[in-house]
């Protein structure tokens, strides 16, 4: 039987070989700095404030984006979408995200409306991901100041890290217009969002809140309040919330209580929670500075007990320092699944590519990566698709070993030395297995 994306490719190409519905139906809004993107592959671009004056939906419907929509309808390939063009050019029968995203349930029902209206018309997206602010209480090693306020405080106090490319230098944020607006200052992008929200809410299929740390944002609870209080609830809506599970008890308990009430009142189709960890115990706390691993595991259990019908996805940002304890982390996942059921949590394992000195490819211990893959393959607690993501990482590591990573390893050493000095941490004590790299 034909897959949805097979049929969608034919439908798209019958209109234009460069058409992608996601340019209309999907948007990620970075309200802390006024940037927007449709699909996560193209770079973000700044929303001109003059476009927002009379049209708050210009957070999504910018003139720039409308130009790209017209190009797609005309059969022209927008340069910003080169990720998909490379995939499709590799072989004529290859499927790219253009086909997949256009065939998703939040996109394909709007095919006729999209192709039969002018590209200059505004379109209310059905899949919206929003970051209200960069407020966060963590300083994860691979993160950045425009995503974490704690990172911003550190860089403003100490400056960029002395790696080859001056990691987390604020100049590139200023140059690209991505410096976040402080949370205590007026934010015209956030103001426009709330003006647009009552209309946007009615047609939403999926709304995902990211950050920063969403549970530290009043706007997250403002969304939940609206859903709880509106006289016309959108019962077709799926809400996804990213949460680091490291916020004060008062905020975490408030989130669980309000979520329980909303679900009991059947004002949503579904709630999904996304959280993160990618190593075990103190190694994880070193990578995700600000986290308490033991508290994290307890709160995962608390969340499942309070919201048993809500799936929790672990987004594991697999990196160079994950490899030595990832198998132990997987064993904790097994214990959760053994106690609460296999469907309670899902494991996603994307790997860190930037900064390059935290990419697992630079490490020599590929046998540790292989160990995790083989452990998942033998375990009855991990699905084939989860295991395949670990296999992909190992094969990626293998393929990269023909390259010289001296520069990246030197940068990692420099980064760790400076990080320990700033944060009072001890890399060698936490990762004795990597002492050779450090010294």
Protein backbone atom coordinates (compact mmCIF):
# COMPACT_ATOMS: atom_id res chain seq x y z
CA UNK A 1 0.00 0.00 0.00
CA UNK A 2 1.33 3.44 -0.92
CA UNK A 3 2.60 5.58 1.93
CA UNK A 4 1.08 9.07 2.41
CA UNK A 5 4.29 10.75 1.29
CA UNK A 6 4.28 8.78 -1.97
CA UNK A 7 0.87 10.18 -2.83
CA UNK A 8 1.81 13.63 -1.57
CA UNK A 9 4.86 13.78 -3.86
CA UNK A 10 2.60 13.25 -6.86
CA UNK A 11 0.14 15.91 -5.65
CA UNK A 12 2.89 18.45 -4.97
CA UNK A 13 4.62 17.86 -8.29
CA UNK A 14 1.33 18.18 -10.16
CA UNK A 15 1.35 21.83 -9.04
CA UNK A 16 5.06 22.53 -8.76
CA UNK A 17 8.25 20.46 -8.23
CA UNK A 18 9.33 22.88 -5.51
CA UNK A 19 6.06 23.15 -3.53
CA UNK A 20 6.13 22.44 0.21
CA UNK A 21 3.01 22.96 2.32
CA UNK A 22 5.09 23.57 5.47
CA UNK A 23 5.93 27.06 4.22
CA UNK A 24 2.28 27.86 4.94
CA UNK A 25 1.19 25.37 7.60
CA UNK A 26 4.16 25.29 10.00
CA UNK A 27 6.04 27.97 11.92
CA UNK A 28 8.55 28.27 14.74
CA UNK A 29 8.40 31.63 16.53
CA UNK A 30 11.36 32.89 18.54
CA UNK A 31 9.58 35.70 20.37
CA UNK A 32 12.58 36.57 22.56
CA UNK A 33 14.33 38.02 19.51
CA UNK A 34 11.60 38.34 16.87
CA UNK A 35 12.82 35.61 14.54
CA UNK A 36 10.66 33.20 12.56
CA UNK A 37 11.09 30.17 10.31
CA UNK A 38 8.78 27.75 8.55
CA UNK A 39 10.32 24.29 8.80
CA UNK A 40 13.39 23.89 11.01
CA UNK A 41 15.85 23.51 8.11
CA UNK A 42 15.96 27.09 6.73
CA UNK A 43 17.68 29.75 8.83
CA UNK A 44 15.47 32.04 10.86
CA UNK A 45 14.82 35.57 9.68
CA UNK A 46 13.84 38.70 11.57
CA UNK A 47 10.21 39.83 11.55
CA UNK A 48 10.16 43.52 10.54
CA UNK A 49 8.32 45.49 13.22
CA UNK A 50 6.57 47.67 10.61
CA UNK A 51 4.88 44.53 9.23
CA UNK A 52 3.41 43.80 12.67
CA UNK A 53 1.72 47.17 13.13
CA UNK A 54 -1.55 46.23 11.47
CA UNK A 55 -1.05 42.48 11.11
CA UNK A 56 0.05 40.38 14.12
CA UNK A 57 0.00 37.28 11.90
CA UNK A 58 3.10 38.75 10.21
CA UNK A 59 4.95 36.81 12.88
CA UNK A 60 4.41 34.02 10.36
CA UNK A 61 3.25 35.79 7.20
CA UNK A 62 6.29 37.98 6.57
CA UNK A 63 6.83 39.51 3.13
CA UNK A 64 10.01 37.44 2.85
CA UNK A 65 8.11 34.21 3.48
CA UNK A 66 5.39 35.17 1.02
CA UNK A 67 8.07 35.68 -1.64
CA UNK A 68 9.35 32.14 -0.97
CA UNK A 69 5.80 30.77 -1.19
CA UNK A 70 5.40 32.39 -4.60
CA UNK A 71 8.69 30.89 -5.75
CA UNK A 72 7.43 27.47 -4.69
CA UNK A 73 4.18 27.91 -6.61
CA UNK A 74 6.18 29.04 -9.65
CA UNK A 75 8.46 26.01 -9.61
CA UNK A 76 11.46 27.93 -8.31
CA UNK A 77 13.53 26.35 -5.53
CA UNK A 78 14.02 28.76 -2.62
CA UNK A 79 17.72 28.72 -1.71
CA UNK A 80 16.92 28.54 2.01
CA UNK A 81 15.37 25.11 1.47
CA UNK A 82 18.59 23.56 0.16
CA UNK A 83 18.44 20.74 2.74
CA UNK A 84 15.58 19.13 0.81
CA UNK A 85 17.00 19.92 -2.61
CA UNK A 86 20.23 18.07 -1.74
CA UNK A 87 18.23 15.03 -0.64
CA UNK A 88 16.08 15.02 -3.77
CA UNK A 89 19.02 15.60 -6.10
CA UNK A 90 20.91 12.66 -4.61
CA UNK A 91 18.44 10.31 -6.35
CA UNK A 92 15.16 10.93 -8.18
CA UNK A 93 13.25 8.50 -5.98
CA UNK A 94 14.42 9.98 -2.67
CA UNK A 95 11.85 11.47 -0.28
CA UNK A 96 12.75 14.68 1.52
CA UNK A 97 11.14 16.52 4.42
CA UNK A 98 9.21 18.50 1.78
CA UNK A 99 7.21 15.33 1.11
CA UNK A 100 6.97 14.18 4.72
CA UNK A 101 5.93 17.50 6.23
CA UNK A 102 3.38 18.14 3.49
CA UNK A 103 1.77 14.76 4.20
CA UNK A 104 1.44 15.16 7.99
CA UNK A 105 -2.06 15.44 9.46
CA UNK A 106 -1.52 19.10 10.33
CA UNK A 107 -0.64 19.91 6.74
CA UNK A 108 -2.18 17.78 3.98
CA UNK A 109 -5.88 18.69 4.64
CA UNK A 110 -5.03 22.26 3.58
CA UNK A 111 -3.55 21.35 0.20
CA UNK A 112 -6.40 22.75 -1.90
CA UNK A 113 -6.68 25.94 0.12
CA UNK A 114 -2.93 26.59 -0.20
CA UNK A 115 -2.64 26.00 -3.95
CA UNK A 116 -5.83 27.87 -4.81
CA UNK A 117 -5.11 31.12 -2.99
CA UNK A 118 -2.60 33.85 -3.67
CA UNK A 119 0.81 33.56 -2.03
CA UNK A 120 0.32 37.13 -0.82
CA UNK A 121 -2.62 36.17 1.38
CA UNK A 122 -2.09 35.54 5.09
CA UNK A 123 -2.35 31.94 6.23
CA UNK A 124 -2.89 30.87 9.85
CA UNK A 125 -0.53 27.95 10.48
CA UNK A 126 -1.83 24.72 11.99
CA UNK A 127 1.48 23.66 13.56
CA UNK A 128 3.06 26.33 15.77
CA UNK A 129 6.15 26.03 17.91
CA UNK A 130 6.89 29.03 20.11
CA UNK A 131 9.64 30.17 22.41
CA UNK A 132 8.34 32.97 24.62
CA UNK A 133 11.68 33.84 26.19
CA UNK A 134 15.22 32.62 26.85
CA UNK A 135 14.65 32.41 30.63
CA UNK A 136 16.24 29.17 31.81
CA UNK A 137 17.88 27.87 34.98
CA UNK A 138 20.26 25.50 33.15
CA UNK A 139 23.53 26.07 31.29
CA UNK A 140 23.81 22.96 29.12
CA UNK A 141 27.26 22.62 27.54
CA UNK A 142 25.92 22.75 23.96
CA UNK A 143 23.46 25.62 24.51
CA UNK A 144 23.67 29.36 23.79
CA UNK A 145 22.81 32.78 25.31
CA UNK A 146 19.79 33.44 23.08
CA UNK A 147 18.23 30.20 24.39
CA UNK A 148 19.36 30.33 28.03
CA UNK A 149 19.36 33.40 30.27
CA UNK A 150 21.89 31.68 32.56
CA UNK A 151 24.24 31.37 29.60
CA UNK A 152 23.65 35.04 28.79
CA UNK A 153 24.59 36.04 32.36
CA UNK A 154 27.79 34.01 32.18
CA UNK A 155 28.92 35.37 28.82
CA UNK A 156 28.14 38.93 29.82
CA UNK A 157 30.25 38.46 32.94
CA UNK A 158 33.17 36.43 31.58
CA UNK A 159 33.02 36.81 27.80
CA UNK A 160 33.17 34.14 25.11
CA UNK A 161 35.04 30.89 25.63
CA UNK A 162 38.62 30.92 24.25
CA UNK A 163 38.05 28.18 21.69
CA UNK A 164 39.08 28.57 18.05
CA UNK A 165 35.74 30.18 17.12
CA UNK A 166 35.17 32.01 20.42
CA UNK A 167 32.25 29.83 21.51
CA UNK A 168 29.14 31.80 22.47
CA UNK A 169 30.57 35.14 21.42
CA UNK A 170 27.74 37.68 21.60
CA UNK A 171 28.93 39.49 18.47
CA UNK A 172 27.35 36.91 16.16
CA UNK A 173 24.03 37.29 17.99
CA UNK A 174 24.15 41.05 17.59
CA UNK A 175 25.20 40.76 13.94
CA UNK A 176 22.32 38.39 13.11
CA UNK A 177 19.74 40.32 15.14
CA UNK A 178 19.25 37.43 17.54
CA UNK A 179 20.04 39.19 20.81
CA UNK A 180 17.10 38.37 23.08
CA UNK A 181 14.92 41.08 24.54
CA UNK A 182 15.28 40.91 28.36
CA UNK A 183 12.25 39.28 29.91
CA UNK A 184 11.49 42.34 32.06
CA UNK A 185 11.32 44.68 29.04
CA UNK A 186 8.49 45.38 26.60
CA UNK A 187 8.49 42.84 23.79
CA UNK A 188 6.51 43.86 20.67
CA UNK A 189 6.75 40.34 19.24
CA UNK A 190 5.18 38.78 22.30
CA UNK A 191 2.54 41.54 22.27
CA UNK A 192 1.69 40.71 18.64
CA UNK A 193 1.45 37.02 19.48
CA UNK A 194 -1.16 37.58 22.16
CA UNK A 195 -3.12 39.83 19.82
CA UNK A 196 -3.10 37.04 17.22
CA UNK A 197 -3.64 34.17 19.67
CA UNK A 198 -7.51 34.10 19.96
CA UNK A 199 -7.80 33.71 16.19
CA UNK A 200 -4.82 31.40 15.85
CA UNK A 201 -6.00 29.09 18.62
CA UNK A 202 -9.21 28.15 16.80
CA UNK A 203 -7.46 26.58 13.81
CA UNK A 204 -4.46 25.00 15.56
CA UNK A 205 -3.73 21.32 15.20
CA UNK A 206 -0.46 21.29 17.19
CA UNK A 207 0.98 23.90 19.54
CA UNK A 208 4.38 23.24 21.08
CA UNK A 209 6.02 25.44 23.69
CA UNK A 210 9.80 25.44 23.93
CA UNK A 211 12.32 27.79 25.48
CA UNK A 212 14.37 28.66 27.44
CA UNK A 213 12.55 26.71 30.08
CA UNK A 214 8.79 27.01 29.43
CA UNK A 215 7.81 26.28 33.03
CA UNK A 216 9.69 29.44 34.08
CA UNK A 217 7.64 31.55 31.66
CA UNK A 218 4.36 33.17 32.74
CA UNK A 219 3.25 32.96 29.13
CA UNK A 220 3.20 29.16 29.27
CA UNK A 221 0.72 29.26 32.13
CA UNK A 222 -1.18 32.01 30.31
CA UNK A 223 -1.71 29.54 27.45
CA UNK A 224 -2.92 26.88 29.90
CA UNK A 225 -5.23 29.43 31.58
CA UNK A 226 -6.73 30.35 28.21
CA UNK A 227 -7.38 26.71 27.33
CA UNK A 228 -8.91 26.13 30.73
CA UNK A 229 -11.18 29.19 30.64
CA UNK A 230 -12.21 29.74 27.03
CA UNK A 231 -15.87 29.19 26.21
CA UNK A 232 -14.99 27.57 22.89
CA UNK A 233 -12.20 25.04 23.55
CA UNK A 234 -10.34 23.61 20.56
CA UNK A 235 -10.81 19.92 21.35
CA UNK A 236 -8.75 18.95 18.27
CA UNK A 237 -5.63 20.56 19.74
CA UNK A 238 -2.43 18.74 20.64
CA UNK A 239 -0.25 20.62 23.11
CA UNK A 240 3.45 19.77 23.43
CA UNK A 241 5.56 21.26 26.20
CA UNK A 242 9.32 21.04 26.69
CA UNK A 243 10.31 20.89 30.36
CA UNK A 244 13.66 20.31 32.04
CA UNK A 245 11.97 19.05 35.24
CA UNK A 246 14.42 21.16 37.25
CA UNK A 247 12.20 24.10 38.20
CA UNK A 248 11.16 24.83 41.82
CA UNK A 249 8.54 22.50 43.34
CA UNK A 250 5.87 25.22 43.26
CA UNK A 251 6.09 25.61 39.46
CA UNK A 252 6.36 21.89 38.74
CA UNK A 253 3.38 21.04 40.95
CA UNK A 254 1.35 23.88 39.42
CA UNK A 255 2.04 22.56 35.94
CA UNK A 256 1.02 19.00 36.85
CA UNK A 257 -2.15 20.16 38.61
CA UNK A 258 -3.29 22.43 35.81
CA UNK A 259 -2.51 19.83 33.16
CA UNK A 260 -4.55 17.25 35.06
CA UNK A 261 -7.52 19.61 35.26
CA UNK A 262 -7.38 20.43 31.54
CA UNK A 263 -7.22 16.76 30.57
CA UNK A 264 -10.08 15.85 32.90
CA UNK A 265 -12.24 18.57 31.35
CA UNK A 266 -11.46 17.14 27.86
CA UNK A 267 -10.42 20.51 26.47
CA UNK A 268 -7.55 18.99 24.49
CA UNK A 269 -7.12 16.12 22.08
CA UNK A 270 -3.75 15.28 23.58
CA UNK A 271 -0.89 16.54 25.76
CA UNK A 272 2.72 15.55 25.13
CA UNK A 273 5.74 16.33 27.30
CA UNK A 274 9.34 16.52 26.08
CA UNK A 275 12.28 16.46 28.45
CA UNK A 276 16.02 15.94 28.12
CA UNK A 277 18.89 13.89 29.48
CA UNK A 278 21.78 12.25 27.68
CA UNK A 279 24.09 10.78 30.32
CA UNK A 280 23.93 9.23 33.78
CA UNK A 281 24.08 10.73 37.26
CA UNK A 282 26.81 13.34 37.89
CA UNK A 283 28.04 13.08 34.29
CA UNK A 284 24.63 14.25 33.11
CA UNK A 285 24.64 17.05 35.69
CA UNK A 286 28.03 18.20 34.38
CA UNK A 287 26.74 18.34 30.79
CA UNK A 288 23.38 19.86 31.76
CA UNK A 289 24.69 22.27 34.38
CA UNK A 290 21.93 23.18 36.84
CA UNK A 291 20.30 19.75 36.73
CA UNK A 292 19.93 17.25 39.56
CA UNK A 293 19.75 13.83 37.93
CA UNK A 294 18.24 12.02 40.90
CA UNK A 295 15.51 14.66 41.25
CA UNK A 296 14.95 14.42 37.50
CA UNK A 297 14.25 10.67 37.60
CA UNK A 298 11.90 11.13 40.57
CA UNK A 299 10.00 13.86 38.72
CA UNK A 300 9.66 11.67 35.65
CA UNK A 301 7.92 9.14 37.89
CA UNK A 302 5.80 11.87 39.50
CA UNK A 303 4.74 13.11 36.07
CA UNK A 304 3.76 9.62 34.89
CA UNK A 305 1.80 8.97 38.08
CA UNK A 306 -0.12 12.26 37.79
CA UNK A 307 -0.58 12.20 34.01
CA UNK A 308 -0.48 8.51 33.05
CA UNK A 309 -2.03 9.08 29.63
CA UNK A 310 0.60 11.69 28.66
CA UNK A 311 3.63 10.34 26.76
CA UNK A 312 7.04 11.65 27.82
CA UNK A 313 9.75 11.85 25.17
CA UNK A 314 13.39 11.97 26.21
CA UNK A 315 15.22 14.17 23.71
CA UNK A 316 18.78 12.95 24.25
CA UNK A 317 21.26 15.46 22.87
CA UNK A 318 23.89 12.76 22.40
CA UNK A 319 27.35 14.31 22.52
CA UNK A 320 31.02 13.55 23.06
CA UNK A 321 30.63 13.31 26.84
CA UNK A 322 27.51 11.12 26.67
CA UNK A 323 29.25 8.06 25.33
CA UNK A 324 30.77 6.68 28.54
CA UNK A 325 27.55 6.56 30.60
CA UNK A 326 24.74 6.41 28.06
CA UNK A 327 24.22 2.69 28.60
CA UNK A 328 23.70 3.31 32.33
CA UNK A 329 21.17 6.01 31.45
CA UNK A 330 19.36 3.52 29.20
CA UNK A 331 19.13 1.13 32.16
CA UNK A 332 17.30 3.82 34.14
CA UNK A 333 14.88 4.20 31.22
CA UNK A 334 14.32 0.45 31.38
CA UNK A 335 13.46 0.69 35.07
CA UNK A 336 10.91 3.42 34.35
CA UNK A 337 9.34 1.31 31.61
CA UNK A 338 9.39 -1.80 33.76
CA UNK A 339 7.51 0.01 36.54
CA UNK A 340 5.09 2.14 34.52
CA UNK A 341 4.80 0.32 31.21
CA UNK A 342 6.67 0.50 27.94
CA UNK A 343 4.38 3.18 26.51
CA UNK A 344 5.16 5.62 29.35
CA UNK A 345 8.29 7.10 27.75
CA UNK A 346 9.86 7.31 24.33
CA UNK A 347 13.55 7.79 23.60
CA UNK A 348 14.70 10.07 20.78
CA UNK A 349 18.45 10.31 20.16
CA UNK A 350 19.51 13.21 17.95
CA UNK A 351 23.23 13.89 18.09
CA UNK A 352 24.99 17.19 18.74
CA UNK A 353 26.82 18.62 15.72
CA UNK A 354 27.36 22.17 16.96
CA UNK A 355 29.61 23.09 18.62
CA UNK A 356 31.76 20.66 16.68
CA UNK A 357 34.03 20.02 19.68
CA UNK A 358 31.07 18.29 21.39
CA UNK A 359 30.28 16.07 18.40
CA UNK A 360 30.79 12.39 19.35
CA UNK A 361 32.75 11.86 16.13
CA UNK A 362 35.86 13.43 17.72
CA UNK A 363 36.12 10.73 20.38
CA UNK A 364 38.26 7.60 19.96
CA UNK A 365 36.07 5.30 22.05
CA UNK A 366 33.63 4.15 19.41
CA UNK A 367 33.26 0.86 21.28
CA UNK A 368 31.29 2.78 23.94
CA UNK A 369 28.81 4.00 21.32
CA UNK A 370 28.55 0.47 19.90
CA UNK A 371 27.95 -0.90 23.40
CA UNK A 372 24.87 1.32 23.81
CA UNK A 373 23.53 0.32 20.41
CA UNK A 374 24.00 -3.39 21.11
CA UNK A 375 22.45 -3.01 24.56
CA UNK A 376 19.31 -1.47 23.04
CA UNK A 377 19.18 -4.16 20.33
CA UNK A 378 19.21 -6.96 22.92
CA UNK A 379 16.75 -5.29 25.30
CA UNK A 380 13.02 -5.96 25.05
CA UNK A 381 12.35 -2.45 26.38
CA UNK A 382 13.49 -0.53 23.28
CA UNK A 383 11.67 -0.43 19.96
CA UNK A 384 13.36 -0.96 16.61
CA UNK A 385 13.08 2.70 15.65
CA UNK A 386 14.70 3.80 18.93
CA UNK A 387 17.51 1.29 18.45
CA UNK A 388 17.96 2.40 14.83
CA UNK A 389 18.75 5.93 16.02
CA UNK A 390 21.57 4.59 18.18
CA UNK A 391 22.81 2.46 15.29
CA UNK A 392 22.79 5.55 13.07
CA UNK A 393 25.04 7.39 15.53
CA UNK A 394 27.53 4.52 15.66
CA UNK A 395 27.69 4.29 11.86
CA UNK A 396 28.04 8.07 11.66
CA UNK A 397 30.99 7.82 14.08
CA UNK A 398 32.55 5.04 11.98
CA UNK A 399 32.24 7.01 8.77
CA UNK A 400 33.92 10.06 10.29
CA UNK A 401 37.02 8.29 11.59
CA UNK A 402 38.99 8.93 8.40
CA UNK A 403 39.17 12.60 9.42
CA UNK A 404 41.60 14.41 11.70
CA UNK A 405 39.96 15.89 14.81
CA UNK A 406 43.02 17.39 16.50
CA UNK A 407 41.57 20.90 16.32
CA UNK A 408 38.22 19.84 17.82
CA UNK A 409 39.88 17.87 20.62
CA UNK A 410 42.07 20.84 21.47
CA UNK A 411 38.98 23.05 21.52
CA UNK A 412 37.21 20.59 23.82
CA UNK A 413 40.17 20.66 26.21
CA UNK A 414 40.23 24.47 26.15
CA UNK A 415 36.48 24.64 26.67
CA UNK A 416 36.49 22.24 29.62
CA UNK A 417 39.43 23.97 31.31
CA UNK A 418 37.65 27.34 31.13
CA UNK A 419 34.28 25.85 32.08
CA UNK A 420 35.72 24.26 35.26
CA UNK A 421 37.34 27.55 36.18
CA UNK A 422 34.09 29.50 35.77
CA UNK A 423 31.72 27.00 37.34
CA UNK A 424 33.84 25.34 40.01
CA UNK A 425 33.33 21.90 38.44
CA UNK A 426 35.95 19.13 38.12
CA UNK A 427 36.06 17.37 34.77
CA UNK A 428 38.68 14.77 35.65
CA UNK A 429 36.82 13.80 38.83
CA UNK A 430 33.53 13.50 36.93
CA UNK A 431 34.98 11.84 33.81
CA UNK A 432 38.10 9.93 34.92
CA UNK A 433 37.75 7.76 31.81
CA UNK A 434 38.61 10.82 29.68
CA UNK A 435 41.58 12.00 31.75
CA UNK A 436 43.93 11.21 28.86
CA UNK A 437 42.12 13.68 26.59
CA UNK A 438 42.30 16.40 29.17
CA UNK A 439 45.94 16.02 30.16
